Amino acid sequence: MGERAIDHLVCYDIRKPARLRRVHRLMKEWGVPLQYSVFYCRLVPSARHQLAEALRREIDERVDDVRIYALQPQGEGTYQGPAPLPPGLVLPGLSLRPQFPEAD
């Protein structure tokens, strides 16, 4: 039986602009940008390891910070400001709603 894909958020804080651009380009190959330094990825465990290794090659672990979070099934998130996803894009296992819905 094959590996089961799991939804992930990848978040990063990269000190140098050149490394930041490289990491951003790399992440666009793996997932959907939610914010400049936050990506949604659907990964099987072996792909998660490959992504972590690819990120390791691009960053300076002494000063840069990368987090890969597995999302729990049926998670709920809130946002403030513009909607974080393009219209029609649905992330399996994650529902998003405005933190402060406009009053009718």
PDB file of N, CA and C in Angstrom:
ATOM      1  N   MET A   1       0.844  -1.181   0.000  1.00  0.00           N
ATOM      2  CA  MET A   1       0.000   0.000   0.000  1.00  0.00           C
ATOM      3  C   MET A   1       0.889   1.243   0.000  1.00  0.00           C
ATOM      4  N   GLY A   2       0.477   2.270  -0.740  1.00  0.00           N
ATOM      5  CA  GLY A   2       1.272   3.486  -0.859  1.00  0.00           C
ATOM      6  C   GLY A   2       1.186   4.369   0.370  1.00  0.00           C
ATOM      7  N   GLU A   3       2.041   5.351   0.367  1.00  0.00           N
ATOM      8  CA  GLU A   3       2.052   6.310   1.473  1.00  0.00           C
ATOM      9  C   GLU A   3       0.819   7.217   1.391  1.00  0.00           C
ATOM     10  N   ARG A   4       0.324   7.622   2.545  1.00  0.00           N
ATOM     11  CA  ARG A   4      -0.842   8.507   2.608  1.00  0.00           C
ATOM     12  C   ARG A   4      -0.370   9.958   2.646  1.00  0.00           C
ATOM     13  N   ALA A   5      -0.931  10.777   1.766  1.00  0.00           N
ATOM     14  CA  ALA A   5      -0.576  12.200   1.733  1.00  0.00           C
ATOM     15  C   ALA A   5      -1.196  12.923   2.922  1.00  0.00           C
ATOM     16  N   ILE A   6      -0.440  13.845   3.486  1.00  0.00           N
ATOM     17  CA  ILE A   6      -0.860  14.633   4.642  1.00  0.00           C
ATOM     18  C   ILE A   6      -0.700  16.108   4.280  1.00  0.00           C
ATOM     19  N   ASP A   7      -1.656  16.919   4.709  1.00  0.00           N
ATOM     20  CA  ASP A   7      -1.587  18.361   4.483  1.00  0.00           C
ATOM     21  C   ASP A   7      -0.579  18.984   5.444  1.00  0.00           C
ATOM     22  N   HIS A   8       0.221  19.922   4.930  1.00  0.00           N
ATOM     23  CA  HIS A   8       1.252  20.590   5.733  1.00  0.00           C
ATOM     24  C   HIS A   8       1.246  22.093   5.479  1.00  0.00           C
ATOM     25  N   LEU A   9       1.657  22.834   6.480  1.00  0.00           N
ATOM     26  CA  LEU A   9       2.016  24.235   6.316  1.00  0.00           C
ATOM     27  C   LEU A   9       3.521  24.333   6.485  1.00  0.00           C
ATOM     28  N   VAL A  10       4.161  25.011   5.564  1.00  0.00           N
ATOM     29  CA  VAL A  10       5.593  25.270   5.655  1.00  0.00           C
ATOM     30  C   VAL A  10       5.754  26.777   5.833  1.00  0.00           C
ATOM     31  N   CYS A  11       6.401  27.161   6.918  1.00  0.00           N
ATOM     32  CA  CYS A  11       6.598  28.573   7.258  1.00  0.00           C
ATOM     33  C   CYS A  11       8.094  28.814   7.427  1.00  0.00           C
ATOM     34  N   TYR A  12       8.559  29.962   6.978  1.00  0.00           N
ATOM     35  CA  TYR A  12       9.992  30.214   7.101  1.00  0.00           C
ATOM     36  C   TYR A  12      10.288  31.680   7.349  1.00  0.00           C
ATOM     37  N   ASP A  13      11.421  31.888   7.996  1.00  0.00           N
ATOM     38  CA  ASP A  13      11.962  33.222   8.267  1.00  0.00           C
ATOM     39  C   ASP A  13      13.439  33.143   7.899  1.00  0.00           C
ATOM     40  N   ILE A  14      13.792  33.739   6.778  1.00  0.00           N
ATOM     41  CA  ILE A  14      15.142  33.634   6.221  1.00  0.00           C
ATOM     42  C   ILE A  14      15.821  34.998   6.321  1.00  0.00           C
ATOM     43  N   ARG A  15      17.008  35.019   6.875  1.00  0.00           N
ATOM     44  CA  ARG A  15      17.705  36.277   7.186  1.00  0.00           C
ATOM     45  C   ARG A  15      18.159  37.041   5.941  1.00  0.00           C
ATOM     46  N   LYS A  16      18.837  36.376   5.005  1.00  0.00           N
ATOM     47  CA  LYS A  16      19.420  37.077   3.849  1.00  0.00           C
ATOM     48  C   LYS A  16      18.462  37.059   2.656  1.00  0.00           C
ATOM     49  N   PRO A  17      18.301  38.207   1.986  1.00  0.00           N
ATOM     50  CA  PRO A  17      17.379  38.277   0.850  1.00  0.00           C
ATOM     51  C   PRO A  17      17.673  37.260  -0.257  1.00  0.00           C
ATOM     52  N   ALA A  18      18.933  36.991  -0.557  1.00  0.00           N
ATOM     53  CA  ALA A  18      19.256  36.027  -1.622  1.00  0.00           C
ATOM     54  C   ALA A  18      18.766  34.629  -1.252  1.00  0.00           C
ATOM     55  N   ARG A  19      18.991  34.217  -0.007  1.00  0.00           N
ATOM     56  CA  ARG A  19      18.497  32.898   0.436  1.00  0.00           C
ATOM     57  C   ARG A  19      16.975  32.885   0.465  1.00  0.00           C
ATOM     58  N   LEU A  20      16.382  33.988   0.887  1.00  0.00           N
ATOM     59  CA  LEU A  20      14.923  34.090   0.935  1.00  0.00           C
ATOM     60  C   LEU A  20      14.333  33.870  -0.452  1.00  0.00           C
ATOM     61  N   ARG A  21      14.911  34.490  -1.473  1.00  0.00           N
ATOM     62  CA  ARG A  21      14.418  34.306  -2.845  1.00  0.00           C
ATOM     63  C   ARG A  21      14.576  32.861  -3.294  1.00  0.00           C
ATOM     64  N   ARG A  22      15.710  32.236  -2.970  1.00  0.00           N
ATOM     65  CA  ARG A  22      15.919  30.837  -3.363  1.00  0.00           C
ATOM     66  C   ARG A  22      14.907  29.917  -2.684  1.00  0.00           C
ATOM     67  N   VAL A  23      14.689  30.134  -1.393  1.00  0.00           N
ATOM     68  CA  VAL A  23      13.728  29.300  -0.664  1.00  0.00           C
ATOM     69  C   VAL A  23      12.323  29.511  -1.225  1.00  0.00           C
ATOM     70  N   HIS A  24      11.958  30.743  -1.518  1.00  0.00           N
ATOM     71  CA  HIS A  24      10.632  31.021  -2.071  1.00  0.00           C
ATOM     72  C   HIS A  24      10.444  30.318  -3.420  1.00  0.00           C
ATOM     73  N   ARG A  25      11.453  30.389  -4.290  1.00  0.00           N
ATOM     74  CA  ARG A  25      11.371  29.694  -5.584  1.00  0.00           C
ATOM     75  C   ARG A  25      11.230  28.189  -5.383  1.00  0.00           C
ATOM     76  N   LEU A  26      12.004  27.636  -4.457  1.00  0.00           N
ATOM     77  CA  LEU A  26      11.918  26.206  -4.165  1.00  0.00           C
ATOM     78  C   LEU A  26      10.516  25.842  -3.684  1.00  0.00           C
ATOM     79  N   MET A  27       9.982  26.621  -2.759  1.00  0.00           N
ATOM     80  CA  MET A  27       8.672  26.306  -2.192  1.00  0.00           C
ATOM     81  C   MET A  27       7.558  26.388  -3.233  1.00  0.00           C
ATOM     82  N   LYS A  28       7.690  27.267  -4.228  1.00  0.00           N
ATOM     83  CA  LYS A  28       6.671  27.350  -5.277  1.00  0.00           C
ATOM     84  C   LYS A  28       6.611  26.062  -6.096  1.00  0.00           C
ATOM     85  N   GLU A  29       7.690  25.277  -6.081  1.00  0.00           N
ATOM     86  CA  GLU A  29       7.682  23.982  -6.765  1.00  0.00           C
ATOM     87  C   GLU A  29       6.946  22.919  -5.948  1.00  0.00           C
ATOM     88  N   TRP A  30       6.821  23.141  -4.650  1.00  0.00           N
ATOM     89  CA  TRP A  30       6.256  22.137  -3.745  1.00  0.00           C
ATOM     90  C   TRP A  30       4.840  22.428  -3.293  1.00  0.00           C
ATOM     91  N   GLY A  31       4.429  23.692  -3.293  1.00  0.00           N
ATOM     92  CA  GLY A  31       3.132  23.988  -2.712  1.00  0.00           C
ATOM     93  C   GLY A  31       2.521  25.282  -3.202  1.00  0.00           C
ATOM     94  N   VAL A  32       1.455  25.672  -2.517  1.00  0.00           N
ATOM     95  CA  VAL A  32       0.679  26.862  -2.850  1.00  0.00           C
ATOM     96  C   VAL A  32       0.995  27.948  -1.826  1.00  0.00           C
ATOM     97  N   PRO A  33       1.430  29.135  -2.285  1.00  0.00           N
ATOM     98  CA  PRO A  33       1.717  30.197  -1.315  1.00  0.00           C
ATOM     99  C   PRO A  33       0.431  30.747  -0.708  1.00  0.00           C
ATOM    100  N   LEU A  34       0.409  30.811   0.622  1.00  0.00           N
ATOM    101  CA  LEU A  34      -0.705  31.436   1.334  1.00  0.00           C
ATOM    102  C   LEU A  34      -0.331  32.859   1.720  1.00  0.00           C
ATOM    103  N   GLN A  35       0.927  33.057   2.077  1.00  0.00           N
ATOM    104  CA  GLN A  35       1.545  34.355   2.294  1.00  0.00           C
ATOM    105  C   GLN A  35       2.957  34.208   1.744  1.00  0.00           C
ATOM    106  N   TYR A  36       3.740  35.278   1.733  1.00  0.00           N
ATOM    107  CA  TYR A  36       5.059  35.171   1.107  1.00  0.00           C
ATOM    108  C   TYR A  36       5.897  34.060   1.730  1.00  0.00           C
ATOM    109  N   SER A  37       5.848  33.893   3.022  1.00  0.00           N
ATOM    110  CA  SER A  37       6.689  32.899   3.699  1.00  0.00           C
ATOM    111  C   SER A  37       5.886  31.768   4.318  1.00  0.00           C
ATOM    112  N   VAL A  38       4.684  31.527   3.811  1.00  0.00           N
ATOM    113  CA  VAL A  38       3.833  30.438   4.304  1.00  0.00           C
ATOM    114  C   VAL A  38       3.252  29.709   3.099  1.00  0.00           C
ATOM    115  N   PHE A  39       3.456  28.396   3.056  1.00  0.00           N
ATOM    116  CA  PHE A  39       2.982  27.584   1.945  1.00  0.00           C
ATOM    117  C   PHE A  39       2.157  26.409   2.441  1.00  0.00           C
ATOM    118  N   TYR A  40       1.154  26.035   1.646  1.00  0.00           N
ATOM    119  CA  TYR A  40       0.392  24.812   1.862  1.00  0.00           C
ATOM    120  C   TYR A  40       0.971  23.749   0.936  1.00  0.00           C
ATOM    121  N   CYS A  41       1.232  22.563   1.484  1.00  0.00           N
ATOM    122  CA  CYS A  41       1.735  21.440   0.691  1.00  0.00           C
ATOM    123  C   CYS A  41       0.990  20.173   1.099  1.00  0.00           C
ATOM    124  N   ARG A  42       0.732  19.315   0.143  1.00  0.00           N
ATOM    125  CA  ARG A  42       0.166  17.991   0.426  1.00  0.00           C
ATOM    126  C   ARG A  42       1.286  17.001   0.122  1.00  0.00           C
ATOM    127  N   LEU A  43       1.786  16.346   1.169  1.00  0.00           N
ATOM    128  CA  LEU A  43       3.004  15.544   1.044  1.00  0.00           C
ATOM    129  C   LEU A  43       2.837  14.158   1.645  1.00  0.00           C
ATOM    130  N   VAL A  44       3.379  13.169   0.951  1.00  0.00           N
ATOM    131  CA  VAL A  44       3.541  11.856   1.575  1.00  0.00           C
ATOM    132  C   VAL A  44       4.806  11.946   2.426  1.00  0.00           C
ATOM    133  N   PRO A  45       4.982  11.058   3.410  1.00  0.00           N
ATOM    134  CA  PRO A  45       6.146  11.168   4.299  1.00  0.00           C
ATOM    135  C   PRO A  45       7.494  11.228   3.571  1.00  0.00           C
ATOM    136  N   SER A  46       7.662  10.445   2.521  1.00  0.00           N
ATOM    137  CA  SER A  46       8.952  10.480   1.823  1.00  0.00           C
ATOM    138  C   SER A  46       9.173  11.832   1.138  1.00  0.00           C
ATOM    139  N   ALA A  47       8.114  12.432   0.606  1.00  0.00           N
ATOM    140  CA  ALA A  47       8.242  13.754  -0.016  1.00  0.00           C
ATOM    141  C   ALA A  47       8.523  14.820   1.038  1.00  0.00           C
ATOM    142  N   ARG A  48       7.926  14.675   2.222  1.00  0.00           N
ATOM    143  CA  ARG A  48       8.199  15.630   3.309  1.00  0.00           C
ATOM    144  C   ARG A  48       9.691  15.614   3.641  1.00  0.00           C
ATOM    145  N   HIS A  49      10.266  14.421   3.680  1.00  0.00           N
ATOM    146  CA  HIS A  49      11.698  14.297   3.955  1.00  0.00           C
ATOM    147  C   HIS A  49      12.515  14.934   2.822  1.00  0.00           C
ATOM    148  N   GLN A  50      12.122  14.692   1.578  1.00  0.00           N
ATOM    149  CA  GLN A  50      12.833  15.285   0.439  1.00  0.00           C
ATOM    150  C   GLN A  50      12.772  16.809   0.489  1.00  0.00           C
ATOM    151  N   LEU A  51      11.600  17.349   0.828  1.00  0.00           N
ATOM    152  CA  LEU A  51      11.457  18.799   0.939  1.00  0.00           C
ATOM    153  C   LEU A  51      12.348  19.339   2.051  1.00  0.00           C
ATOM    154  N   ALA A  52      12.344  18.677   3.198  1.00  0.00           N
ATOM    155  CA  ALA A  52      13.179  19.129   4.319  1.00  0.00           C
ATOM    156  C   ALA A  52      14.656  19.138   3.926  1.00  0.00           C
ATOM    157  N   GLU A  53      15.091  18.126   3.203  1.00  0.00           N
ATOM    158  CA  GLU A  53      16.487  18.069   2.755  1.00  0.00           C
ATOM    159  C   GLU A  53      16.788  19.179   1.747  1.00  0.00           C
ATOM    160  N   ALA A  54      15.863  19.432   0.829  1.00  0.00           N
ATOM    161  CA  ALA A  54      16.067  20.505  -0.152  1.00  0.00           C
ATOM    162  C   ALA A  54      16.152  21.859   0.551  1.00  0.00           C
ATOM    163  N   LEU A  55      15.306  22.071   1.551  1.00  0.00           N
ATOM    164  CA  LEU A  55      15.357  23.323   2.311  1.00  0.00           C
ATOM    165  C   LEU A  55      16.660  23.435   3.090  1.00  0.00           C
ATOM    166  N   ARG A  56      17.107  22.335   3.653  1.00  0.00           N
ATOM    167  CA  ARG A  56      18.364  22.337   4.425  1.00  0.00           C
ATOM    168  C   ARG A  56      19.532  22.810   3.563  1.00  0.00           C
ATOM    169  N   ARG A  57      19.529  22.412   2.290  1.00  0.00           N
ATOM    170  CA  ARG A  57      20.615  22.810   1.385  1.00  0.00           C
ATOM    171  C   ARG A  57      20.586  24.304   1.065  1.00  0.00           C
ATOM    172  N   GLU A  58      19.430  24.946   1.216  1.00  0.00           N
ATOM    173  CA  GLU A  58      19.289  26.359   0.844  1.00  0.00           C
ATOM    174  C   GLU A  58      19.470  27.334   2.000  1.00  0.00           C
ATOM    175  N   ILE A  59      19.316  26.873   3.236  1.00  0.00           N
ATOM    176  CA  ILE A  59      19.296  27.811   4.364  1.00  0.00           C
ATOM    177  C   ILE A  59      20.596  27.773   5.162  1.00  0.00           C
ATOM    178  N   ASP A  60      20.743  28.751   6.017  1.00  0.00           N
ATOM    179  CA  ASP A  60      21.815  28.775   7.014  1.00  0.00           C
ATOM    180  C   ASP A  60      21.143  28.444   8.341  1.00  0.00           C
ATOM    181  N   GLU A  61      21.317  27.222   8.813  1.00  0.00           N
ATOM    182  CA  GLU A  61      20.609  26.756  10.008  1.00  0.00           C
ATOM    183  C   GLU A  61      20.981  27.526  11.274  1.00  0.00           C
ATOM    184  N   ARG A  62      22.055  28.300  11.228  1.00  0.00           N
ATOM    185  CA  ARG A  62      22.433  29.096  12.406  1.00  0.00           C
ATOM    186  C   ARG A  62      21.528  30.310  12.593  1.00  0.00           C
ATOM    187  N   VAL A  63      20.981  30.843  11.495  1.00  0.00           N
ATOM    188  CA  VAL A  63      20.195  32.076  11.601  1.00  0.00           C
ATOM    189  C   VAL A  63      18.812  31.998  10.954  1.00  0.00           C
ATOM    190  N   ASP A  64      18.587  31.033  10.082  1.00  0.00           N
ATOM    191  CA  ASP A  64      17.300  30.911   9.401  1.00  0.00           C
ATOM    192  C   ASP A  64      16.403  29.936  10.159  1.00  0.00           C
ATOM    193  N   ASP A  65      15.101  30.076   9.950  1.00  0.00           N
ATOM    194  CA  ASP A  65      14.120  29.258  10.657  1.00  0.00           C
ATOM    195  C   ASP A  65      13.110  28.724   9.653  1.00  0.00           C
ATOM    196  N   VAL A  66      12.946  27.413   9.601  1.00  0.00           N
ATOM    197  CA  VAL A  66      11.947  26.778   8.743  1.00  0.00           C
ATOM    198  C   VAL A  66      11.127  25.836   9.613  1.00  0.00           C
ATOM    199  N   ARG A  67       9.811  25.906   9.470  1.00  0.00           N
ATOM    200  CA  ARG A  67       8.906  25.021  10.209  1.00  0.00           C
ATOM    201  C   ARG A  67       8.028  24.286   9.212  1.00  0.00           C
ATOM    202  N   ILE A  68       7.852  22.987   9.424  1.00  0.00           N
ATOM    203  CA  ILE A  68       6.941  22.182   8.617  1.00  0.00           C
ATOM    204  C   ILE A  68       5.925  21.589   9.583  1.00  0.00           C
ATOM    205  N   TYR A  69       4.681  22.039   9.469  1.00  0.00           N
ATOM    206  CA  TYR A  69       3.623  21.607  10.376  1.00  0.00           C
ATOM    207  C   TYR A  69       2.648  20.694   9.646  1.00  0.00           C
ATOM    208  N   ALA A  70       2.426  19.497  10.173  1.00  0.00           N
ATOM    209  CA  ALA A  70       1.372  18.630   9.655  1.00  0.00           C
ATOM    210  C   ALA A  70       0.038  19.152  10.183  1.00  0.00           C
ATOM    211  N   LEU A  71      -0.944  19.269   9.305  1.00  0.00           N
ATOM    212  CA  LEU A  71      -2.261  19.762   9.707  1.00  0.00           C
ATOM    213  C   LEU A  71      -3.122  18.610  10.196  1.00  0.00           C
ATOM    214  N   GLN A  72      -3.871  18.862  11.230  1.00  0.00           N
ATOM    215  CA  GLN A  72      -4.792  17.863  11.760  1.00  0.00           C
ATOM    216  C   GLN A  72      -6.039  17.806  10.882  1.00  0.00           C
ATOM    217  N   PRO A  73      -6.662  16.634  10.786  1.00  0.00           N
ATOM    218  CA  PRO A  73      -7.901  16.546  10.005  1.00  0.00           C
ATOM    219  C   PRO A  73      -8.959  17.496  10.566  1.00  0.00           C
ATOM    220  N   GLN A  74      -9.691  18.091   9.684  1.00  0.00           N
ATOM    221  CA  GLN A  74     -10.802  18.973  10.038  1.00  0.00           C
ATOM    222  C   GLN A  74     -10.374  20.152  10.895  1.00  0.00           C
ATOM    223  N   GLY A  75      -9.222  20.711  10.617  1.00  0.00           N
ATOM    224  CA  GLY A  75      -8.774  21.894  11.336  1.00  0.00           C
ATOM    225  C   GLY A  75      -9.543  23.130  10.894  1.00  0.00           C
ATOM    226  N   GLU A  76      -9.575  24.131  11.756  1.00  0.00           N
ATOM    227  CA  GLU A  76     -10.216  25.394  11.407  1.00  0.00           C
ATOM    228  C   GLU A  76      -9.238  26.524  11.676  1.00  0.00           C
ATOM    229  N   GLY A  77      -9.139  27.420  10.740  1.00  0.00           N
ATOM    230  CA  GLY A  77      -8.273  28.575  10.909  1.00  0.00           C
ATOM    231  C   GLY A  77      -9.053  29.853  10.669  1.00  0.00           C
ATOM    232  N   THR A  78      -8.535  30.941  11.195  1.00  0.00           N
ATOM    233  CA  THR A  78      -9.139  32.249  10.953  1.00  0.00           C
ATOM    234  C   THR A  78      -8.087  33.159  10.332  1.00  0.00           C
ATOM    235  N   TYR A  79      -8.553  34.210   9.695  1.00  0.00           N
ATOM    236  CA  TYR A  79      -7.630  35.176   9.107  1.00  0.00           C
ATOM    237  C   TYR A  79      -8.160  36.581   9.326  1.00  0.00           C
ATOM    238  N   GLN A  80      -7.257  37.543   9.260  1.00  0.00           N
ATOM    239  CA  GLN A  80      -7.587  38.959   9.308  1.00  0.00           C
ATOM    240  C   GLN A  80      -7.008  39.590   8.055  1.00  0.00           C
ATOM    241  N   GLY A  81      -7.737  40.483   7.444  1.00  0.00           N
ATOM    242  CA  GLY A  81      -7.286  41.082   6.197  1.00  0.00           C
ATOM    243  C   GLY A  81      -7.868  40.332   5.011  1.00  0.00           C
ATOM    244  N   PRO A  82      -7.229  40.441   3.840  1.00  0.00           N
ATOM    245  CA  PRO A  82      -7.752  39.790   2.642  1.00  0.00           C
ATOM    246  C   PRO A  82      -7.819  38.274   2.812  1.00  0.00           C
ATOM    247  N   ALA A  83      -8.751  37.660   2.112  1.00  0.00           N
ATOM    248  CA  ALA A  83      -8.866  36.198   2.140  1.00  0.00           C
ATOM    249  C   ALA A  83      -7.532  35.590   1.713  1.00  0.00           C
ATOM    250  N   PRO A  84      -7.033  34.577   2.436  1.00  0.00           N
ATOM    251  CA  PRO A  84      -5.705  34.038   2.159  1.00  0.00           C
ATOM    252  C   PRO A  84      -5.631  33.111   0.952  1.00  0.00           C
ATOM    253  N   LEU A  85      -6.774  32.658   0.453  1.00  0.00           N
ATOM    254  CA  LEU A  85      -6.778  31.730  -0.677  1.00  0.00           C
ATOM    255  C   LEU A  85      -7.480  32.357  -1.874  1.00  0.00           C
ATOM    256  N   PRO A  86      -7.046  32.007  -3.071  1.00  0.00           N
ATOM    257  CA  PRO A  86      -7.769  32.471  -4.249  1.00  0.00           C
ATOM    258  C   PRO A  86      -9.185  31.891  -4.245  1.00  0.00           C
ATOM    259  N   PRO A  87     -10.155  32.596  -4.839  1.00  0.00           N
ATOM    260  CA  PRO A  87     -11.525  32.076  -4.893  1.00  0.00           C
ATOM    261  C   PRO A  87     -11.551  30.683  -5.518  1.00  0.00           C
ATOM    262  N   GLY A  88     -12.274  29.778  -4.894  1.00  0.00           N
ATOM    263  CA  GLY A  88     -12.421  28.424  -5.413  1.00  0.00           C
ATOM    264  C   GLY A  88     -11.391  27.428  -4.923  1.00  0.00           C
ATOM    265  N   LEU A  89     -10.285  27.880  -4.319  1.00  0.00           N
ATOM    266  CA  LEU A  89      -9.278  26.946  -3.810  1.00  0.00           C
ATOM    267  C   LEU A  89      -9.696  26.490  -2.423  1.00  0.00           C
ATOM    268  N   VAL A  90      -9.817  25.181  -2.251  1.00  0.00           N
ATOM    269  CA  VAL A  90     -10.203  24.591  -0.972  1.00  0.00           C
ATOM    270  C   VAL A  90      -9.053  23.719  -0.500  1.00  0.00           C
ATOM    271  N   LEU A  91      -8.653  23.875   0.742  1.00  0.00           N
ATOM    272  CA  LEU A  91      -7.600  23.046   1.315  1.00  0.00           C
ATOM    273  C   LEU A  91      -8.256  21.911   2.089  1.00  0.00           C
ATOM    274  N   PRO A  92      -8.075  20.670   1.645  1.00  0.00           N
ATOM    275  CA  PRO A  92      -8.679  19.554   2.368  1.00  0.00           C
ATOM    276  C   PRO A  92      -8.202  19.539   3.817  1.00  0.00           C
ATOM    277  N   GLY A  93      -9.138  19.349   4.726  1.00  0.00           N
ATOM    278  CA  GLY A  93      -8.781  19.256   6.135  1.00  0.00           C
ATOM    279  C   GLY A  93      -8.637  20.588   6.836  1.00  0.00           C
ATOM    280  N   LEU A  94      -8.862  21.704   6.132  1.00  0.00           N
ATOM    281  CA  LEU A  94      -8.714  23.012   6.767  1.00  0.00           C
ATOM    282  C   LEU A  94      -9.815  23.936   6.271  1.00  0.00           C
ATOM    283  N   SER A  95     -10.608  24.444   7.192  1.00  0.00           N
ATOM    284  CA  SER A  95     -11.591  25.459   6.821  1.00  0.00           C
ATOM    285  C   SER A  95     -11.114  26.798   7.368  1.00  0.00           C
ATOM    286  N   LEU A  96     -11.261  27.828   6.565  1.00  0.00           N
ATOM    287  CA  LEU A  96     -10.819  29.173   6.943  1.00  0.00           C
ATOM    288  C   LEU A  96     -12.018  30.102   6.983  1.00  0.00           C
ATOM    289  N   ARG A  97     -12.062  30.948   7.992  1.00  0.00           N
ATOM    290  CA  ARG A  97     -13.129  31.941   8.095  1.00  0.00           C
ATOM    291  C   ARG A  97     -12.522  33.237   8.613  1.00  0.00           C
ATOM    292  N   PRO A  98     -13.170  34.367   8.311  1.00  0.00           N
ATOM    293  CA  PRO A  98     -12.661  35.637   8.831  1.00  0.00           C
ATOM    294  C   PRO A  98     -12.703  35.661  10.360  1.00  0.00           C
ATOM    295  N   GLN A  99     -11.686  36.227  10.967  1.00  0.00           N
ATOM    296  CA  GLN A  99     -11.654  36.359  12.422  1.00  0.00           C
ATOM    297  C   GLN A  99     -12.775  37.277  12.897  1.00  0.00           C
ATOM    298  N   PHE A 100     -13.010  38.353  12.154  1.00  0.00           N
ATOM    299  CA  PHE A 100     -14.040  39.328  12.514  1.00  0.00           C
ATOM    300  C   PHE A 100     -14.973  39.507  11.322  1.00  0.00           C
ATOM    301  N   PRO A 101     -15.974  38.628  11.169  1.00  0.00           N
ATOM    302  CA  PRO A 101     -16.894  38.766  10.031  1.00  0.00           C
ATOM    303  C   PRO A 101     -17.592  40.122  10.072  1.00  0.00           C
ATOM    304  N   GLU A 102     -17.793  40.680   8.902  1.00  0.00           N
ATOM    305  CA  GLU A 102     -18.481  41.972   8.831  1.00  0.00           C
ATOM    306  C   GLU A 102     -19.918  41.812   9.294  1.00  0.00           C
ATOM    307  N   ALA A 103     -20.385  42.784  10.046  1.00  0.00           N
ATOM    308  CA  ALA A 103     -21.774  42.755  10.519  1.00  0.00           C
ATOM    309  C   ALA A 103     -22.703  43.036   9.348  1.00  0.00           C
ATOM    310  N   ASP A 104     -23.819  42.335   9.326  1.00  0.00           N
ATOM    311  CA  ASP A 104     -24.806  42.553   8.250  1.00  0.00           C
ATOM    312  C   ASP A 104     -25.587  43.807   8.478  1.00  0.00           C
TER     313      ASP A 104
END
